C-alpha atoms as a PDB file:
ATOM      1  CA  MET A   1      20.839  21.024 -10.463  1.00  0.00           C
ATOM      2  CA  ARG A   2      18.830  19.395 -13.243  1.00  0.00           C
ATOM      3  CA  ARG A   3      17.254  22.719 -14.199  1.00  0.00           C
ATOM      4  CA  ILE A   4      20.523  24.668 -14.214  1.00  0.00           C
ATOM      5  CA  GLY A   5      22.123  21.996 -16.401  1.00  0.00           C
ATOM      6  CA  GLY A   6      19.212  22.145 -18.821  1.00  0.00           C
ATOM      7  CA  ILE A   7      19.567  25.939 -19.197  1.00  0.00           C
ATOM      8  CA  THR A   8      23.283  25.555 -19.944  1.00  0.00           C
ATOM      9  CA  VAL A   9      22.551  23.074 -22.740  1.00  0.00           C
ATOM     10  CA  VAL A  10      19.971  25.388 -24.315  1.00  0.00           C
ATOM     11  CA  LEU A  11      22.373  28.382 -24.239  1.00  0.00           C
ATOM     12  CA  LEU A  12      25.195  26.327 -25.772  1.00  0.00           C
ATOM     13  CA  LEU A  13      22.956  25.167 -28.608  1.00  0.00           C
ATOM     14  CA  LEU A  14      21.856  28.739 -29.311  1.00  0.00           C
ATOM     15  CA  VAL A  15      25.463  29.969 -29.381  1.00  0.00           C
ATOM     16  CA  LEU A  16      26.422  27.265 -31.877  1.00  0.00           C
ATOM     17  CA  VAL A  17      23.469  28.040 -34.114  1.00  0.00           C
ATOM     18  CA  LEU A  18      24.176  31.775 -34.090  1.00  0.00           C
ATOM     19  CA  ALA A  19      27.879  31.191 -34.737  1.00  0.00           C
ATOM     20  CA  GLY A  20      27.037  29.052 -37.766  1.00  0.00           C
ATOM     21  CA  ALA A  21      24.690  31.721 -39.100  1.00  0.00           C
ATOM     22  CA  CYS A  22      27.264  34.519 -38.759  1.00  0.00           C
ATOM     23  CA  GLY A  23      30.068  32.549 -40.407  1.00  0.00           C
ATOM     24  CA  ASP A  24      28.046  31.465 -43.491  1.00  0.00           C
ATOM     25  CA  ASP A  25      26.820  33.976 -46.103  1.00  0.00           C
ATOM     26  CA  GLY A  26      24.513  31.435 -47.702  1.00  0.00           C
ATOM     27  CA  ALA A  27      23.414  27.840 -47.306  1.00  0.00           C
ATOM     28  CA  GLU A  28      24.526  25.239 -49.829  1.00  0.00           C
ATOM     29  CA  ASP A  29      21.924  23.181 -51.655  1.00  0.00           C
ATOM     30  CA  GLY A  30      20.436  20.605 -49.304  1.00  0.00           C
ATOM     31  CA  ALA A  31      21.743  22.366 -46.148  1.00  0.00           C
ATOM     32  CA  VAL A  32      19.424  23.107 -43.239  1.00  0.00           C
ATOM     33  CA  SER A  33      18.124  26.652 -43.297  1.00  0.00           C
ATOM     34  CA  ASP A  34      19.624  29.070 -40.770  1.00  0.00           C
ATOM     35  CA  ASP A  35      16.169  29.969 -39.426  1.00  0.00           C
ATOM     36  CA  THR A  36      15.478  26.394 -38.239  1.00  0.00           C
ATOM     37  CA  ALA A  37      15.406  26.504 -34.423  1.00  0.00           C
ATOM     38  CA  PRO A  38      16.836  23.576 -32.453  1.00  0.00           C
ATOM     39  CA  GLU A  39      14.300  21.399 -30.637  1.00  0.00           C
ATOM     40  CA  VAL A  40      15.001  20.905 -26.942  1.00  0.00           C
ATOM     41  CA  THR A  41      13.011  18.237 -25.098  1.00  0.00           C
ATOM     42  CA  THR A  42      12.986  18.156 -21.317  1.00  0.00           C
ATOM     43  CA  THR A  43      12.099  14.966 -19.440  1.00  0.00           C
ATOM     44  CA  THR A  44      11.624  14.174 -15.776  1.00  0.00           C
ATOM     45  CA  THR A  45      13.646  11.220 -14.537  1.00  0.00           C
ATOM     46  CA  VAL A  46      11.992   8.820 -12.092  1.00  0.00           C
ATOM     47  CA  PRO A  47      14.549   7.523  -9.577  1.00  0.00           C
ATOM     48  CA  THR A  48      15.705   3.935  -9.940  1.00  0.00           C
ATOM     49  CA  ARG A  49      16.633   2.157  -6.713  1.00  0.00           C
ATOM     50  CA  THR A  50      19.342  -0.477  -6.784  1.00  0.00           C
ATOM     51  CA  GLU A  51      17.884  -2.068  -3.651  1.00  0.00           C
ATOM     52  CA  MET A  52      14.707  -1.950  -1.609  1.00  0.00           C
ATOM     53  CA  ALA A  53      14.286   1.266   0.402  1.00  0.00           C
ATOM     54  CA  THR A  54      12.680   1.579   3.843  1.00  0.00           C
ATOM     55  CA  PHE A  55      12.061   4.781   5.787  1.00  0.00           C
ATOM     56  CA  THR A  56       9.488   6.492   8.003  1.00  0.00           C
ATOM     57  CA  LEU A  57       7.345   9.498   7.063  1.00  0.00           C
ATOM     58  CA  ASP A  58       5.970  11.559   9.953  1.00  0.00           C
ATOM     59  CA  LEU A  59       2.510  12.215   8.548  1.00  0.00           C
ATOM     60  CA  VAL A  60       0.144  14.590  10.373  1.00  0.00           C
ATOM     61  CA  ASP A  61      -3.561  14.966   9.577  1.00  0.00           C
ATOM     62  CA  THR A  62      -4.496  18.440  10.802  1.00  0.00           C
ATOM     63  CA  SER A  63      -8.111  18.112   9.632  1.00  0.00           C
ATOM     64  CA  ARG A  64      -9.216  15.576  12.272  1.00  0.00           C
ATOM     65  CA  PRO A  65      -8.703  15.378  16.050  1.00  0.00           C
ATOM     66  CA  THR A  66      -7.582  12.538  18.293  1.00  0.00           C
ATOM     67  CA  GLU A  67      -9.742  12.095  21.369  1.00  0.00           C
ATOM     68  CA  ALA A  68      -8.091  11.577  24.751  1.00  0.00           C
ATOM     69  CA  GLY A  69      -7.156   7.972  25.445  1.00  0.00           C
ATOM     70  CA  ALA A  70      -4.331   5.473  25.863  1.00  0.00           C
ATOM     71  CA  GLY A  71      -2.717   7.802  28.374  1.00  0.00           C
ATOM     72  CA  MET A  72      -2.709  10.705  25.932  1.00  0.00           C
ATOM     73  CA  PRO A  73      -4.624  14.029  26.100  1.00  0.00           C
ATOM     74  CA  HIS A  74      -6.990  15.291  23.404  1.00  0.00           C
ATOM     75  CA  GLN A  75      -5.158  16.532  20.317  1.00  0.00           C
ATOM     76  CA  ASP A  76      -6.430  18.667  17.446  1.00  0.00           C
ATOM     77  CA  GLN A  77      -4.571  16.536  14.926  1.00  0.00           C
ATOM     78  CA  ARG A  78      -3.734  12.921  14.189  1.00  0.00           C
ATOM     79  CA  LEU A  79      -0.101  11.857  14.277  1.00  0.00           C
ATOM     80  CA  LEU A  80       0.560   8.980  11.874  1.00  0.00           C
ATOM     81  CA  PRO A  81       4.226   7.998  11.610  1.00  0.00           C
ATOM     82  CA  THR A  82       4.253   5.703   8.595  1.00  0.00           C
ATOM     83  CA  ASP A  83       6.782   3.048   7.642  1.00  0.00           C
ATOM     84  CA  VAL A  84       7.333   2.954   3.893  1.00  0.00           C
ATOM     85  CA  TYR A  85       8.776   0.126   1.804  1.00  0.00           C
ATOM     86  CA  LEU A  86       9.742   0.781  -1.819  1.00  0.00           C
ATOM     87  CA  PRO A  87      10.874  -1.987  -4.200  1.00  0.00           C
ATOM     88  CA  ALA A  88      14.156  -1.911  -6.052  1.00  0.00           C
ATOM     89  CA  GLY A  89      13.928  -0.708  -9.627  1.00  0.00           C
ATOM     90  CA  SER A  90      12.009   2.069 -11.313  1.00  0.00           C
ATOM     91  CA  GLY A  91       8.296   2.561 -10.614  1.00  0.00           C
ATOM     92  CA  PRO A  92       5.464   2.946 -10.715  1.00  0.00           C
ATOM     93  CA  PHE A  93       4.626  -0.066  -8.546  1.00  0.00           C
ATOM     94  CA  PRO A  94       1.297  -1.316  -7.178  1.00  0.00           C
ATOM     95  CA  PHE A  95       0.730   0.097  -3.685  1.00  0.00           C
ATOM     96  CA  VAL A  96      -0.631  -1.426  -0.462  1.00  0.00           C
ATOM     97  CA  ALA A  97      -1.717   0.492   2.658  1.00  0.00           C
ATOM     98  CA  PHE A  98      -1.397  -1.766   5.717  1.00  0.00           C
ATOM     99  CA  ALA A  99      -3.141  -1.483   9.120  1.00  0.00           C
ATOM    100  CA  HIS A 100      -1.716  -3.027  12.311  1.00  0.00           C
ATOM    101  CA  GLY A 101      -3.804  -4.502  15.143  1.00  0.00           C
ATOM    102  CA  LEU A 102      -4.548  -3.538  18.738  1.00  0.00           C
ATOM    103  CA  ASN A 103      -1.346  -3.107  20.725  1.00  0.00           C
ATOM    104  CA  GLY A 104       0.468  -3.528  17.432  1.00  0.00           C
ATOM    105  CA  HIS A 105       2.940  -1.518  15.396  1.00  0.00           C
ATOM    106  CA  PRO A 106       4.349  -1.528  11.847  1.00  0.00           C
ATOM    107  CA  ARG A 107       7.739  -2.744  13.149  1.00  0.00           C
ATOM    108  CA  LYS A 108       6.087  -6.072  14.026  1.00  0.00           C
ATOM    109  CA  PHE A 109       5.504  -6.796  10.324  1.00  0.00           C
ATOM    110  CA  THR A 110       8.917  -6.169   8.810  1.00  0.00           C
ATOM    111  CA  GLN A 111       9.254  -9.726   7.465  1.00  0.00           C
ATOM    112  CA  LEU A 112       5.891  -9.823   5.703  1.00  0.00           C
ATOM    113  CA  LEU A 113       6.043  -6.252   4.382  1.00  0.00           C
ATOM    114  CA  THR A 114       9.610  -6.742   3.196  1.00  0.00           C
ATOM    115  CA  ALA A 115       8.490  -9.849   1.297  1.00  0.00           C
ATOM    116  CA  TRP A 116       5.732  -7.809  -0.361  1.00  0.00           C
ATOM    117  CA  ALA A 117       8.191  -5.073  -1.327  1.00  0.00           C
ATOM    118  CA  GLU A 118      10.669  -7.592  -2.694  1.00  0.00           C
ATOM    119  CA  ALA A 119       7.825  -8.968  -4.806  1.00  0.00           C
ATOM    120  CA  GLY A 120       7.322  -5.523  -6.346  1.00  0.00           C
ATOM    121  CA  TYR A 121       4.821  -3.725  -4.101  1.00  0.00           C
ATOM    122  CA  ALA A 122       5.206  -0.325  -2.488  1.00  0.00           C
ATOM    123  CA  VAL A 123       3.831  -0.469   1.066  1.00  0.00           C
ATOM    124  CA  ALA A 124       2.869   2.163   3.652  1.00  0.00           C
ATOM    125  CA  ALA A 125       2.044   1.117   7.234  1.00  0.00           C
ATOM    126  CA  PRO A 126       1.005   3.825   9.729  1.00  0.00           C
ATOM    127  CA  ALA A 127       1.110   3.561  13.517  1.00  0.00           C
ATOM    128  CA  PHE A 128      -2.398   4.549  14.645  1.00  0.00           C
ATOM    129  CA  PRO A 129      -2.589   7.223  17.370  1.00  0.00           C
ATOM    130  CA  LEU A 130      -4.291   5.232  20.151  1.00  0.00           C
ATOM    131  CA  SER A 131      -4.010   1.530  19.258  1.00  0.00           C
ATOM    132  CA  ASN A 132      -0.251   1.140  18.810  1.00  0.00           C
ATOM    133  CA  ASP A 133       1.978  -0.408  21.478  1.00  0.00           C
ATOM    134  CA  GLU A 134       4.062   2.728  22.070  1.00  0.00           C
ATOM    135  CA  VAL A 135       1.321   4.881  23.616  1.00  0.00           C
ATOM    136  CA  PRO A 136       2.078   5.963  27.220  1.00  0.00           C
ATOM    137  CA  GLY A 137      -0.982   4.170  28.583  1.00  0.00           C
ATOM    138  CA  GLU A 138      -2.860   1.058  27.497  1.00  0.00           C
ATOM    139  CA  ALA A 139      -3.589   0.790  23.777  1.00  0.00           C
ATOM    140  CA  THR A 140      -7.311   1.091  23.048  1.00  0.00           C
ATOM    141  CA  TRP A 141      -9.720  -0.004  20.308  1.00  0.00           C
ATOM    142  CA  THR A 142     -12.061   2.960  20.967  1.00  0.00           C
ATOM    143  CA  ASP A 143     -10.515   5.001  18.138  1.00  0.00           C
ATOM    144  CA  LEU A 144     -11.414   2.355  15.538  1.00  0.00           C
ATOM    145  CA  GLY A 145     -14.029   4.593  13.924  1.00  0.00           C
ATOM    146  CA  ASN A 146     -11.261   6.989  12.905  1.00  0.00           C
ATOM    147  CA  GLN A 147      -8.781   4.437  11.606  1.00  0.00           C
ATOM    148  CA  PRO A 148     -10.357   3.909   8.154  1.00  0.00           C
ATOM    149  CA  GLY A 149      -9.986   7.659   7.677  1.00  0.00           C
ATOM    150  CA  ASP A 150      -6.344   7.331   8.715  1.00  0.00           C
ATOM    151  CA  ILE A 151      -5.771   4.788   5.950  1.00  0.00           C
ATOM    152  CA  SER A 152      -7.436   7.071   3.395  1.00  0.00           C
ATOM    153  CA  PHE A 153      -5.272   9.951   4.620  1.00  0.00           C
ATOM    154  CA  VAL A 154      -2.124   7.844   4.237  1.00  0.00           C
ATOM    155  CA  ILE A 155      -3.189   6.989   0.681  1.00  0.00           C
ATOM    156  CA  ASP A 156      -3.731  10.724   0.018  1.00  0.00           C
ATOM    157  CA  GLU A 157      -0.278  11.598   1.349  1.00  0.00           C
ATOM    158  CA  MET A 158       1.490   8.815  -0.506  1.00  0.00           C
ATOM    159  CA  LEU A 159      -0.123   9.800  -3.792  1.00  0.00           C
ATOM    160  CA  ALA A 160       0.825  13.441  -3.192  1.00  0.00           C
ATOM    161  CA  ALA A 161       4.423  12.416  -2.435  1.00  0.00           C
ATOM    162  CA  ASN A 162       4.363  10.304  -5.581  1.00  0.00           C
ATOM    163  CA  GLU A 163       3.957  13.530  -7.593  1.00  0.00           C
ATOM    164  CA  ASP A 164       6.650  15.478  -5.715  1.00  0.00           C
ATOM    165  CA  PRO A 165      10.145  15.307  -7.292  1.00  0.00           C
ATOM    166  CA  ALA A 166      11.657  16.210  -3.908  1.00  0.00           C
ATOM    167  CA  SER A 167      10.068  13.201  -2.174  1.00  0.00           C
ATOM    168  CA  PRO A 168      11.719   9.777  -1.849  1.00  0.00           C
ATOM    169  CA  VAL A 169       8.344   8.331  -2.929  1.00  0.00           C
ATOM    170  CA  TYR A 170       8.411  10.233  -6.234  1.00  0.00           C
ATOM    171  CA  GLY A 171       7.326   8.092  -9.172  1.00  0.00           C
ATOM    172  CA  ALA A 172       7.094   4.902  -7.081  1.00  0.00           C
ATOM    173  CA  ILE A 173       3.304   4.367  -6.978  1.00  0.00           C
ATOM    174  CA  ASP A 174       0.762   3.430  -9.615  1.00  0.00           C
ATOM    175  CA  PRO A 175      -2.391   5.289  -8.456  1.00  0.00           C
ATOM    176  CA  GLU A 176      -4.613   2.897 -10.394  1.00  0.00           C
ATOM    177  CA  ARG A 177      -3.372  -0.202  -8.519  1.00  0.00           C
ATOM    178  CA  ILE A 178      -3.995   0.262  -4.790  1.00  0.00           C
ATOM    179  CA  GLY A 179      -4.728  -2.404  -2.190  1.00  0.00           C
ATOM    180  CA  VAL A 180      -5.611  -2.268   1.520  1.00  0.00           C
ATOM    181  CA  ALA A 181      -4.835  -4.874   4.157  1.00  0.00           C
ATOM    182  CA  GLY A 182      -4.775  -5.274   7.908  1.00  0.00           C
ATOM    183  CA  LEU A 183      -4.482  -7.613  10.884  1.00  0.00           C
ATOM    184  CA  SER A 184      -7.042  -7.967  13.703  1.00  0.00           C
ATOM    185  CA  LEU A 185      -8.208  -4.425  14.581  1.00  0.00           C
ATOM    186  CA  GLY A 186      -6.433  -3.440  11.379  1.00  0.00           C
ATOM    187  CA  GLY A 187      -8.583  -6.025   9.600  1.00  0.00           C
ATOM    188  CA  ALA A 188     -11.668  -4.279  11.002  1.00  0.00           C
ATOM    189  CA  THR A 189     -10.151  -1.033   9.713  1.00  0.00           C
ATOM    190  CA  THR A 190      -9.721  -2.634   6.291  1.00  0.00           C
ATOM    191  CA  TYR A 191     -13.340  -3.812   6.231  1.00  0.00           C
ATOM    192  CA  GLY A 192     -14.331  -0.198   6.927  1.00  0.00           C
ATOM    193  CA  VAL A 193     -12.202   1.263   4.129  1.00  0.00           C
ATOM    194  CA  ALA A 194     -13.313  -1.366   1.606  1.00  0.00           C
ATOM    195  CA  PHE A 195     -16.960  -2.152   2.438  1.00  0.00           C
ATOM    196  CA  ASN A 196     -18.576   0.291   4.907  1.00  0.00           C
ATOM    197  CA  ASP A 197     -20.481   3.396   3.849  1.00  0.00           C
ATOM    198  CA  CYS A 198     -19.103   5.287   6.857  1.00  0.00           C
ATOM    199  CA  CYS A 199     -15.672   5.528   5.350  1.00  0.00           C
ATOM    200  CA  LEU A 200     -15.608   3.753   1.990  1.00  0.00           C
ATOM    201  CA  ASP A 201     -12.596   4.637  -0.149  1.00  0.00           C
ATOM    202  CA  GLU A 202     -13.179   3.952  -3.837  1.00  0.00           C
ATOM    203  CA  ARG A 203      -9.491   3.879  -4.776  1.00  0.00           C
ATOM    204  CA  PRO A 204      -8.453   0.415  -3.523  1.00  0.00           C
ATOM    205  CA  ILE A 205      -9.088  -2.326  -6.074  1.00  0.00           C
ATOM    206  CA  ALA A 206      -8.390  -5.254  -3.708  1.00  0.00           C
ATOM    207  CA  ALA A 207      -8.610  -5.904   0.056  1.00  0.00           C
ATOM    208  CA  MET A 208      -7.034  -8.396   2.458  1.00  0.00           C
ATOM    209  CA  VAL A 209      -8.181  -9.147   6.028  1.00  0.00           C
ATOM    210  CA  LEU A 210      -5.899 -11.162   8.323  1.00  0.00           C
ATOM    211  CA  ASP A 211      -7.548 -12.580  11.459  1.00  0.00           C
ATOM    212  CA  GLY A 212      -9.906  -9.606  11.482  1.00  0.00           C
ATOM    213  CA  ALA A 213     -13.572  -8.990  12.219  1.00  0.00           C
ATOM    214  CA  ARG A 214     -16.417  -6.766  11.087  1.00  0.00           C
ATOM    215  CA  LEU A 215     -16.483  -4.444  14.075  1.00  0.00           C
ATOM    216  CA  THR A 216     -18.569  -1.276  14.393  1.00  0.00           C
ATOM    217  CA  VAL A 217     -16.986   1.599  12.527  1.00  0.00           C
ATOM    218  CA  GLY A 218     -20.059   3.814  12.201  1.00  0.00           C
ATOM    219  CA  GLY A 219     -21.975   2.756   9.102  1.00  0.00           C
ATOM    220  CA  GLU A 220     -23.403  -0.172   7.142  1.00  0.00           C
ATOM    221  CA  PHE A 221     -21.398  -2.895   5.427  1.00  0.00           C
ATOM    222  CA  ASP A 222     -22.017  -3.792   1.796  1.00  0.00           C
ATOM    223  CA  PHE A 223     -20.170  -6.906   0.670  1.00  0.00           C
ATOM    224  CA  SER A 224     -21.893  -7.011  -2.726  1.00  0.00           C
ATOM    225  CA  ARG A 225     -19.396  -4.605  -4.327  1.00  0.00           C
ATOM    226  CA  GLY A 226     -17.397  -7.349  -6.013  1.00  0.00           C
ATOM    227  CA  LEU A 227     -14.146  -5.904  -4.699  1.00  0.00           C
ATOM    228  CA  PRO A 228     -11.579  -8.743  -4.700  1.00  0.00           C
ATOM    229  CA  LEU A 229     -11.256  -9.913  -1.094  1.00  0.00           C
ATOM    230  CA  MET A 230      -8.853 -12.292   0.616  1.00  0.00           C
ATOM    231  CA  ILE A 231      -9.580 -13.462   4.167  1.00  0.00           C
ATOM    232  CA  VAL A 232      -6.957 -15.400   6.116  1.00  0.00           C
ATOM    233  CA  HIS A 233      -8.093 -16.635   9.535  1.00  0.00           C
ATOM    234  CA  ALA A 234      -7.009 -19.271  12.043  1.00  0.00           C
ATOM    235  CA  ASP A 235      -9.820 -21.666  12.928  1.00  0.00           C
ATOM    236  CA  GLU A 236      -8.639 -21.630  16.562  1.00  0.00           C
ATOM    237  CA  ASP A 237      -8.126 -17.871  16.743  1.00  0.00           C
ATOM    238  CA  PHE A 238      -8.192 -16.985  20.439  1.00  0.00           C
ATOM    239  CA  ALA A 239      -8.808 -13.235  19.922  1.00  0.00           C
ATOM    240  CA  LEU A 240     -11.408 -12.789  17.167  1.00  0.00           C
ATOM    241  CA  PRO A 241     -13.980 -15.416  16.172  1.00  0.00           C
ATOM    242  CA  TYR A 242     -13.395 -17.624  13.159  1.00  0.00           C
ATOM    243  CA  ALA A 243     -17.180 -17.726  12.691  1.00  0.00           C
ATOM    244  CA  ASP A 244     -17.226 -14.049  11.678  1.00  0.00           C
ATOM    245  CA  ALA A 245     -14.646 -14.731   8.975  1.00  0.00           C
ATOM    246  CA  VAL A 246     -16.807 -17.578   7.677  1.00  0.00           C
ATOM    247  CA  ALA A 247     -19.849 -15.278   7.598  1.00  0.00           C
ATOM    248  CA  ALA A 248     -17.955 -12.430   5.915  1.00  0.00           C
ATOM    249  CA  TYR A 249     -16.748 -14.777   3.189  1.00  0.00           C
ATOM    250  CA  ALA A 250     -20.274 -16.138   2.661  1.00  0.00           C
ATOM    251  CA  GLU A 251     -21.738 -12.638   2.324  1.00  0.00           C
ATOM    252  CA  SER A 252     -19.050 -11.334  -0.027  1.00  0.00           C
ATOM    253  CA  ALA A 253     -19.478 -11.258  -3.778  1.00  0.00           C
ATOM    254  CA  PRO A 254     -16.774 -12.872  -5.914  1.00  0.00           C
ATOM    255  CA  PRO A 255     -13.927 -12.725  -6.503  1.00  0.00           C
ATOM    256  CA  LYS A 256     -13.180 -13.912  -2.983  1.00  0.00           C
ATOM    257  CA  TRP A 257     -10.591 -16.136  -1.335  1.00  0.00           C
ATOM    258  CA  PHE A 258     -10.701 -17.708   2.129  1.00  0.00           C
ATOM    259  CA  VAL A 259      -7.611 -19.307   3.636  1.00  0.00           C
ATOM    260  CA  THR A 260      -8.203 -21.183   6.890  1.00  0.00           C
ATOM    261  CA  LEU A 261      -5.111 -21.737   8.999  1.00  0.00           C
ATOM    262  CA  HIS A 262      -5.433 -24.817  11.197  1.00  0.00           C
ATOM    263  CA  GLU A 263      -3.797 -23.617  14.390  1.00  0.00           C
ATOM    264  CA  PHE A 264      -4.309 -21.965  17.757  1.00  0.00           C
ATOM    265  CA  ALA A 265      -3.019 -18.506  16.830  1.00  0.00           C
ATOM    266  CA  HIS A 266      -3.930 -14.898  16.199  1.00  0.00           C
ATOM    267  CA  ALA A 267      -1.123 -12.528  15.228  1.00  0.00           C
ATOM    268  CA  SER A 268       1.847 -14.893  14.955  1.00  0.00           C
ATOM    269  CA  PRO A 269       1.232 -16.094  11.358  1.00  0.00           C
ATOM    270  CA  PHE A 270       1.491 -12.470  10.165  1.00  0.00           C
ATOM    271  CA  GLU A 271       3.847 -10.696  12.556  1.00  0.00           C
ATOM    272  CA  ASN A 272       7.566 -11.425  12.859  1.00  0.00           C
ATOM    273  CA  ASP A 273       7.106 -14.270  15.353  1.00  0.00           C
ATOM    274  CA  PRO A 274       8.048 -17.690  13.913  1.00  0.00           C
ATOM    275  CA  ASP A 275       4.927 -19.665  12.964  1.00  0.00           C
ATOM    276  CA  PRO A 276       4.252 -22.880  11.007  1.00  0.00           C
ATOM    277  CA  ALA A 277       2.075 -20.946   8.567  1.00  0.00           C
ATOM    278  CA  ASP A 278       4.648 -18.241   7.724  1.00  0.00           C
ATOM    279  CA  ASP A 279       5.477 -19.602   4.264  1.00  0.00           C
ATOM    280  CA  ILE A 280       1.810 -20.157   3.408  1.00  0.00           C
ATOM    281  CA  VAL A 281       0.899 -16.605   4.420  1.00  0.00           C
ATOM    282  CA  THR A 282       3.775 -15.039   2.505  1.00  0.00           C
ATOM    283  CA  ALA A 283       3.254 -17.016  -0.708  1.00  0.00           C
ATOM    284  CA  SER A 284      -0.553 -16.782  -0.768  1.00  0.00           C
ATOM    285  CA  THR A 285      -0.728 -13.057   0.000  1.00  0.00           C
ATOM    286  CA  ILE A 286       1.842 -12.219  -2.660  1.00  0.00           C
ATOM    287  CA  ALA A 287      -0.045 -14.358  -5.187  1.00  0.00           C
ATOM    288  CA  PHE A 288      -3.270 -12.498  -4.320  1.00  0.00           C
ATOM    289  CA  TRP A 289      -1.616  -9.115  -4.909  1.00  0.00           C
ATOM    290  CA  ASP A 290      -0.068 -10.443  -8.129  1.00  0.00           C
ATOM    291  CA  LEU A 291      -3.483 -11.545  -9.349  1.00  0.00           C
ATOM    292  CA  TYR A 292      -5.499  -8.431  -8.514  1.00  0.00           C
ATOM    293  CA  LEU A 293      -2.991  -5.574  -8.277  1.00  0.00           C
ATOM    294  CA  ALA A 294      -0.393  -6.649 -10.830  1.00  0.00           C
ATOM    295  CA  GLY A 295      -2.942  -8.262 -13.165  1.00  0.00           C
ATOM    296  CA  ASP A 296      -0.965 -11.484 -13.492  1.00  0.00           C
ATOM    297  CA  GLY A 297      -3.472 -14.173 -14.484  1.00  0.00           C
ATOM    298  CA  SER A 298      -0.970 -16.956 -13.797  1.00  0.00           C
ATOM    299  CA  ALA A 299      -1.022 -15.996 -10.101  1.00  0.00           C
ATOM    300  CA  GLU A 300      -4.398 -17.704  -9.616  1.00  0.00           C
ATOM    301  CA  GLN A 301      -2.807 -21.145  -9.834  1.00  0.00           C
ATOM    302  CA  ARG A 302       0.109 -20.000  -7.694  1.00  0.00           C
ATOM    303  CA  LEU A 303      -2.338 -18.874  -5.031  1.00  0.00           C
ATOM    304  CA  VAL A 304      -3.984 -22.299  -5.032  1.00  0.00           C
ATOM    305  CA  ASP A 305      -0.608 -24.043  -4.929  1.00  0.00           C
ATOM    306  CA  ALA A 306       0.618 -21.822  -2.074  1.00  0.00           C
ATOM    307  CA  ILE A 307      -1.757 -23.272   0.503  1.00  0.00           C
ATOM    308  CA  GLY A 308       0.331 -26.392   1.013  1.00  0.00           C
ATOM    309  CA  PRO A 309      -0.483 -29.400   3.205  1.00  0.00           C
ATOM    310  CA  ALA A 310      -4.135 -29.703   4.241  1.00  0.00           C
ATOM    311  CA  ASP A 311      -3.181 -30.168   7.874  1.00  0.00           C
ATOM    312  CA  LEU A 312      -1.759 -26.630   7.894  1.00  0.00           C
ATOM    313  CA  ALA A 313      -4.333 -24.759   5.792  1.00  0.00           C
ATOM    314  CA  THR A 314      -7.302 -25.152   3.472  1.00  0.00           C
ATOM    315  CA  LEU A 315      -8.685 -22.888   0.781  1.00  0.00           C
ATOM    316  CA  GLU A 316     -12.096 -21.880  -0.526  1.00  0.00           C
ATOM    317  CA  TYR A 317     -12.534 -19.434  -3.375  1.00  0.00           C
ATOM    318  CA  GLU A 318     -14.887 -18.115  -6.045  1.00  0.00           C
ATOM    319  CA  THR A 319     -13.571 -16.075  -8.934  1.00  0.00           C
ATOM    320  CA  SER A 320     -16.875 -15.357 -10.680  1.00  0.00           C
END
């Protein structure tokens, strides 16, 4: 419809010009010459949303297989249904790819991911083939080595959709401002994408690990990159050891931020379950994205201020 309308405008302009030329034997002094062609400029309009948009893209990676597991047979492809959150307004927006944990699913994070989108971040959260809670058998961690590649694939697909005028993602993503984040097994996935030579993706400019761990993904970790990193971990995490978070923070080059939640918890501070640390997690994670994805220098103080009472959380950080 846009193209047809544009052609109509061009034809109408040409008819008017030709009509003026035929009806005038000569131009008066100071008049525009008849042989001056009209300039027609075409522009592409990026959609503007009046409210936040959420939808699911059924992404399929045909280049990599999924081994049998979690009650599912071997497949020659990887099915990655991906929940997408787009902020209201006109893009491009900074973009975050988010990884869920073992026996998890993107629908468990609607509150946190909605808060990120309302703060101005486009988000894509895939359901991994064998570790999500909707598989017919028992979710498994054995596919972890493939999950960093899944995140890179989702980034590929989102950036491709960003360039496609027929896609609802069109014009929504700033390809120079990409972050990666994940909870638990998704945190291990994030460590792989951001710091492991098995599956390092150079495009993310900031990473966030929520109650995660540096699990084996197939290569060697290098935390000297200086990629901005935020670790949030409960000191009484009953699933993954707090000590590994302490060690990862110590080995990482600045800028780095370490939020310790003082509670017996694992997923609840980040998923939709009510938790005493919900406000701290929401405010501090948004401030981190504001600082390193949006480039808002004032967010550093907001991140410090977000931690709140010392009996709920404490903060360590190095910015240089």
